[in-house]
Amino acid sequence: MTYHFAPLLIAGTGVAVDGLSEAGSTPRRSVNYALAGLGIAVLAIVILSAKGDLRGPVFWDHSGDAPVELENLLFALLGALLGLVIAVRHAAKAPSPS
């Protein structure tokens, strides 16, 4: 695994794990978790970018010194979306409290 997948995992893991837990996840709660995960991932990208630590190969340019902020943002969005889909689908399948 490379640093390319860190934003995907940061943005998607929390919402997916919460959605798969038996804590009574709802679609609104899942959206909030997805937005929080996305916010954390974007904050990490901004901090690492400001420090100059986000340089290296990207999927479309293998020169070794390309800016990877856009790629990381796309992966963060993908992670948040995938986590949200998993959580909402699981919440829809859960039996409603009577």
N, C-alpha and C. Protein backbone atom coordinates (compact mmCIF):
# COMPACT_ATOMS: atom_id res chain seq x y z
N MET A 1 0.84 -1.17 0.00
CA MET A 1 0.00 0.00 0.00
C MET A 1 0.89 1.24 0.00
N THR A 2 0.47 2.24 -0.72
CA THR A 2 1.26 3.47 -0.80
C THR A 2 0.49 4.62 -0.18
N TYR A 3 1.13 5.77 -0.17
CA TYR A 3 0.48 6.95 0.39
C TYR A 3 -0.73 7.39 -0.43
N HIS A 4 -0.87 6.85 -1.63
CA HIS A 4 -2.01 7.22 -2.47
C HIS A 4 -3.34 6.86 -1.80
N PHE A 5 -3.35 5.80 -1.02
CA PHE A 5 -4.60 5.30 -0.46
C PHE A 5 -4.90 5.82 0.94
N ALA A 6 -4.00 6.57 1.53
CA ALA A 6 -4.24 7.10 2.87
C ALA A 6 -5.48 8.00 2.93
N PRO A 7 -5.68 8.95 2.01
CA PRO A 7 -6.89 9.77 2.08
C PRO A 7 -8.16 8.94 1.91
N LEU A 8 -8.10 7.93 1.07
CA LEU A 8 -9.25 7.06 0.86
C LEU A 8 -9.62 6.36 2.16
N LEU A 9 -8.63 5.84 2.85
CA LEU A 9 -8.89 5.15 4.11
C LEU A 9 -9.33 6.10 5.20
N ILE A 10 -8.71 7.28 5.28
CA ILE A 10 -9.08 8.25 6.31
C ILE A 10 -10.53 8.69 6.13
N ALA A 11 -10.91 8.98 4.91
CA ALA A 11 -12.25 9.50 4.66
C ALA A 11 -13.34 8.43 4.73
N GLY A 12 -13.01 7.20 4.38
CA GLY A 12 -14.06 6.19 4.28
C GLY A 12 -14.19 5.22 5.43
N THR A 13 -13.14 5.02 6.19
CA THR A 13 -13.17 3.98 7.21
C THR A 13 -14.14 4.29 8.34
N GLY A 14 -14.11 5.49 8.86
CA GLY A 14 -14.97 5.83 10.00
C GLY A 14 -16.43 5.66 9.69
N VAL A 15 -16.86 6.18 8.57
CA VAL A 15 -18.28 6.10 8.22
C VAL A 15 -18.69 4.66 7.92
N ALA A 16 -17.81 3.89 7.29
CA ALA A 16 -18.14 2.50 6.98
C ALA A 16 -18.22 1.67 8.25
N VAL A 17 -17.27 1.84 9.15
CA VAL A 17 -17.28 1.08 10.40
C VAL A 17 -18.49 1.46 11.24
N ASP A 18 -18.79 2.74 11.33
CA ASP A 18 -19.98 3.16 12.08
C ASP A 18 -21.24 2.62 11.44
N GLY A 19 -21.30 2.64 10.13
CA GLY A 19 -22.49 2.14 9.44
C GLY A 19 -22.67 0.65 9.59
N LEU A 20 -21.58 -0.09 9.69
CA LEU A 20 -21.67 -1.54 9.84
C LEU A 20 -21.86 -1.97 11.29
N SER A 21 -21.67 -1.05 12.23
CA SER A 21 -21.88 -1.40 13.63
C SER A 21 -23.38 -1.47 13.91
N GLU A 22 -23.70 -2.03 15.02
CA GLU A 22 -25.11 -2.16 15.40
C GLU A 22 -25.56 -0.99 16.27
N ALA A 23 -24.97 0.17 16.06
CA ALA A 23 -25.27 1.34 16.89
C ALA A 23 -26.51 2.10 16.42
N GLY A 24 -27.22 1.57 15.46
CA GLY A 24 -28.41 2.25 14.98
C GLY A 24 -28.10 3.39 14.04
N SER A 25 -27.20 3.15 13.10
CA SER A 25 -26.81 4.18 12.16
C SER A 25 -27.99 4.57 11.28
N THR A 26 -28.10 5.85 11.02
CA THR A 26 -29.14 6.38 10.13
C THR A 26 -28.46 7.05 8.95
N PRO A 27 -29.18 7.26 7.85
CA PRO A 27 -28.56 7.94 6.71
C PRO A 27 -27.99 9.32 7.08
N ARG A 28 -28.69 10.07 7.91
CA ARG A 28 -28.19 11.40 8.30
C ARG A 28 -26.89 11.29 9.09
N ARG A 29 -26.85 10.34 10.01
CA ARG A 29 -25.63 10.12 10.78
C ARG A 29 -24.49 9.69 9.86
N SER A 30 -24.79 8.86 8.87
CA SER A 30 -23.78 8.40 7.92
C SER A 30 -23.23 9.56 7.11
N VAL A 31 -24.10 10.46 6.68
CA VAL A 31 -23.65 11.65 5.93
C VAL A 31 -22.74 12.50 6.81
N ASN A 32 -23.12 12.68 8.07
CA ASN A 32 -22.28 13.47 8.97
C ASN A 32 -20.91 12.83 9.16
N TYR A 33 -20.88 11.51 9.33
CA TYR A 33 -19.59 10.83 9.48
C TYR A 33 -18.78 10.93 8.20
N ALA A 34 -19.41 10.81 7.05
CA ALA A 34 -18.68 10.91 5.78
C ALA A 34 -18.09 12.31 5.62
N LEU A 35 -18.85 13.34 5.95
CA LEU A 35 -18.34 14.70 5.85
C LEU A 35 -17.21 14.95 6.85
N ALA A 36 -17.33 14.36 8.05
CA ALA A 36 -16.26 14.51 9.04
C ALA A 36 -14.99 13.81 8.56
N GLY A 37 -15.13 12.60 8.03
CA GLY A 37 -13.96 11.88 7.51
C GLY A 37 -13.32 12.61 6.36
N LEU A 38 -14.15 13.16 5.48
CA LEU A 38 -13.63 13.94 4.36
C LEU A 38 -12.91 15.19 4.86
N GLY A 39 -13.48 15.84 5.86
CA GLY A 39 -12.85 17.03 6.44
C GLY A 39 -11.49 16.71 7.05
N ILE A 40 -11.40 15.58 7.76
CA ILE A 40 -10.13 15.19 8.36
C ILE A 40 -9.10 14.89 7.28
N ALA A 41 -9.53 14.19 6.24
CA ALA A 41 -8.61 13.87 5.14
C ALA A 41 -8.12 15.14 4.45
N VAL A 42 -9.02 16.07 4.18
CA VAL A 42 -8.64 17.33 3.53
C VAL A 42 -7.71 18.15 4.43
N LEU A 43 -7.99 18.16 5.72
CA LEU A 43 -7.12 18.86 6.66
C LEU A 43 -5.72 18.26 6.65
N ALA A 44 -5.63 16.94 6.64
CA ALA A 44 -4.32 16.28 6.57
C ALA A 44 -3.61 16.62 5.27
N ILE A 45 -4.35 16.66 4.15
CA ILE A 45 -3.76 17.01 2.86
C ILE A 45 -3.22 18.44 2.88
N VAL A 46 -3.99 19.36 3.45
CA VAL A 46 -3.57 20.76 3.51
C VAL A 46 -2.31 20.90 4.37
N ILE A 47 -2.29 20.25 5.52
CA ILE A 47 -1.13 20.35 6.41
C ILE A 47 0.11 19.76 5.74
N LEU A 48 -0.02 18.56 5.16
CA LEU A 48 1.13 17.94 4.51
C LEU A 48 1.59 18.73 3.29
N SER A 49 0.64 19.32 2.59
CA SER A 49 1.00 20.14 1.43
C SER A 49 1.76 21.39 1.86
N ALA A 50 1.30 22.03 2.93
CA ALA A 50 1.97 23.23 3.43
C ALA A 50 3.39 22.92 3.90
N LYS A 51 3.60 21.72 4.43
CA LYS A 51 4.94 21.32 4.86
C LYS A 51 5.81 20.89 3.70
N GLY A 52 5.22 20.68 2.52
CA GLY A 52 5.98 20.24 1.36
C GLY A 52 6.19 18.74 1.30
N ASP A 53 5.39 18.00 2.05
CA ASP A 53 5.55 16.55 2.12
C ASP A 53 4.74 15.79 1.07
N LEU A 54 3.95 16.47 0.28
CA LEU A 54 3.15 15.79 -0.74
C LEU A 54 3.77 15.97 -2.11
N ARG A 55 4.90 15.37 -2.31
CA ARG A 55 5.57 15.36 -3.60
C ARG A 55 5.90 13.91 -3.92
N GLY A 56 5.81 13.55 -5.17
CA GLY A 56 6.16 12.19 -5.56
C GLY A 56 5.40 11.77 -6.80
N PRO A 57 5.50 10.50 -7.14
CA PRO A 57 4.83 10.04 -8.35
C PRO A 57 3.31 10.00 -8.16
N VAL A 58 2.60 10.31 -9.22
CA VAL A 58 1.15 10.18 -9.23
C VAL A 58 0.80 9.19 -10.34
N PHE A 59 -0.45 8.80 -10.40
CA PHE A 59 -0.83 7.77 -11.36
C PHE A 59 -0.67 8.21 -12.81
N TRP A 60 -0.80 9.52 -13.08
CA TRP A 60 -0.71 9.98 -14.47
C TRP A 60 0.65 10.59 -14.81
N ASP A 61 1.55 10.74 -13.83
CA ASP A 61 2.86 11.33 -14.08
C ASP A 61 3.86 10.65 -13.16
N HIS A 62 4.76 9.87 -13.71
CA HIS A 62 5.70 9.11 -12.90
C HIS A 62 7.08 9.76 -12.83
N SER A 63 7.10 11.08 -12.92
CA SER A 63 8.39 11.77 -12.92
C SER A 63 9.06 11.74 -11.55
N GLY A 64 8.32 11.51 -10.50
CA GLY A 64 8.90 11.43 -9.17
C GLY A 64 8.79 12.70 -8.36
N ASP A 65 8.42 13.80 -8.99
CA ASP A 65 8.33 15.06 -8.25
C ASP A 65 7.12 15.86 -8.71
N ALA A 66 5.97 15.23 -8.72
CA ALA A 66 4.74 15.89 -9.14
C ALA A 66 3.90 16.23 -7.90
N PRO A 67 3.12 17.30 -7.95
CA PRO A 67 2.24 17.60 -6.83
C PRO A 67 1.09 16.58 -6.80
N VAL A 68 0.84 16.05 -5.64
CA VAL A 68 -0.17 14.99 -5.54
C VAL A 68 -1.42 15.44 -4.78
N GLU A 69 -1.57 16.73 -4.57
CA GLU A 69 -2.72 17.21 -3.82
C GLU A 69 -4.04 16.86 -4.51
N LEU A 70 -4.11 17.07 -5.82
CA LEU A 70 -5.35 16.76 -6.54
C LEU A 70 -5.67 15.27 -6.45
N GLU A 71 -4.67 14.45 -6.65
CA GLU A 71 -4.88 13.00 -6.56
C GLU A 71 -5.36 12.61 -5.16
N ASN A 72 -4.77 13.18 -4.13
CA ASN A 72 -5.19 12.88 -2.77
C ASN A 72 -6.61 13.36 -2.50
N LEU A 73 -6.97 14.53 -3.01
CA LEU A 73 -8.35 15.01 -2.83
C LEU A 73 -9.34 14.09 -3.53
N LEU A 74 -9.00 13.63 -4.73
CA LEU A 74 -9.89 12.71 -5.43
C LEU A 74 -10.05 11.40 -4.68
N PHE A 75 -8.96 10.89 -4.13
CA PHE A 75 -9.06 9.66 -3.33
C PHE A 75 -9.85 9.89 -2.05
N ALA A 76 -9.72 11.05 -1.43
CA ALA A 76 -10.50 11.34 -0.22
C ALA A 76 -11.99 11.39 -0.55
N LEU A 77 -12.33 12.04 -1.67
CA LEU A 77 -13.74 12.07 -2.08
C LEU A 77 -14.26 10.66 -2.38
N LEU A 78 -13.46 9.86 -3.05
CA LEU A 78 -13.86 8.49 -3.34
C LEU A 78 -14.05 7.69 -2.06
N GLY A 79 -13.14 7.84 -1.11
CA GLY A 79 -13.26 7.13 0.16
C GLY A 79 -14.51 7.52 0.93
N ALA A 80 -14.79 8.83 0.99
CA ALA A 80 -15.99 9.29 1.69
C ALA A 80 -17.25 8.76 1.01
N LEU A 81 -17.25 8.77 -0.31
CA LEU A 81 -18.41 8.28 -1.05
C LEU A 81 -18.61 6.78 -0.85
N LEU A 82 -17.54 6.01 -0.93
CA LEU A 82 -17.65 4.56 -0.73
C LEU A 82 -18.10 4.23 0.69
N GLY A 83 -17.52 4.90 1.68
CA GLY A 83 -17.95 4.68 3.06
C GLY A 83 -19.39 5.05 3.27
N LEU A 84 -19.82 6.14 2.66
CA LEU A 84 -21.22 6.57 2.77
C LEU A 84 -22.16 5.55 2.14
N VAL A 85 -21.80 5.05 0.98
CA VAL A 85 -22.65 4.06 0.31
C VAL A 85 -22.77 2.80 1.17
N ILE A 86 -21.66 2.33 1.72
CA ILE A 86 -21.69 1.14 2.57
C ILE A 86 -22.57 1.39 3.79
N ALA A 87 -22.39 2.53 4.44
CA ALA A 87 -23.15 2.82 5.66
C ALA A 87 -24.64 2.98 5.38
N VAL A 88 -24.98 3.69 4.32
CA VAL A 88 -26.41 3.92 4.01
C VAL A 88 -27.08 2.62 3.59
N ARG A 89 -26.38 1.81 2.80
CA ARG A 89 -26.97 0.52 2.40
C ARG A 89 -27.19 -0.38 3.60
N HIS A 90 -26.26 -0.37 4.54
CA HIS A 90 -26.43 -1.20 5.74
C HIS A 90 -27.55 -0.64 6.61
N ALA A 91 -27.64 0.69 6.72
CA ALA A 91 -28.71 1.30 7.52
C ALA A 91 -30.08 1.00 6.91
N ALA A 92 -30.16 0.94 5.60
CA ALA A 92 -31.44 0.64 4.93
C ALA A 92 -31.86 -0.81 5.15
N LYS A 93 -30.88 -1.70 5.31
CA LYS A 93 -31.19 -3.12 5.52
C LYS A 93 -31.51 -3.43 6.97
N ALA A 94 -31.11 -2.57 7.89
CA ALA A 94 -31.31 -2.83 9.30
C ALA A 94 -32.80 -2.78 9.63
N PRO A 95 -33.25 -3.66 10.52
CA PRO A 95 -34.66 -3.63 10.91
C PRO A 95 -34.97 -2.35 11.68
N SER A 96 -36.12 -1.79 11.42
CA SER A 96 -36.50 -0.56 12.11
C SER A 96 -36.97 -0.90 13.52
N PRO A 97 -36.65 -0.02 14.50
CA PRO A 97 -37.07 -0.27 15.88
C PRO A 97 -38.58 -0.16 16.00
N SER A 98 -39.15 -1.07 16.72
CA SER A 98 -40.62 -1.06 16.88
C SER A 98 -41.03 -0.50 18.21
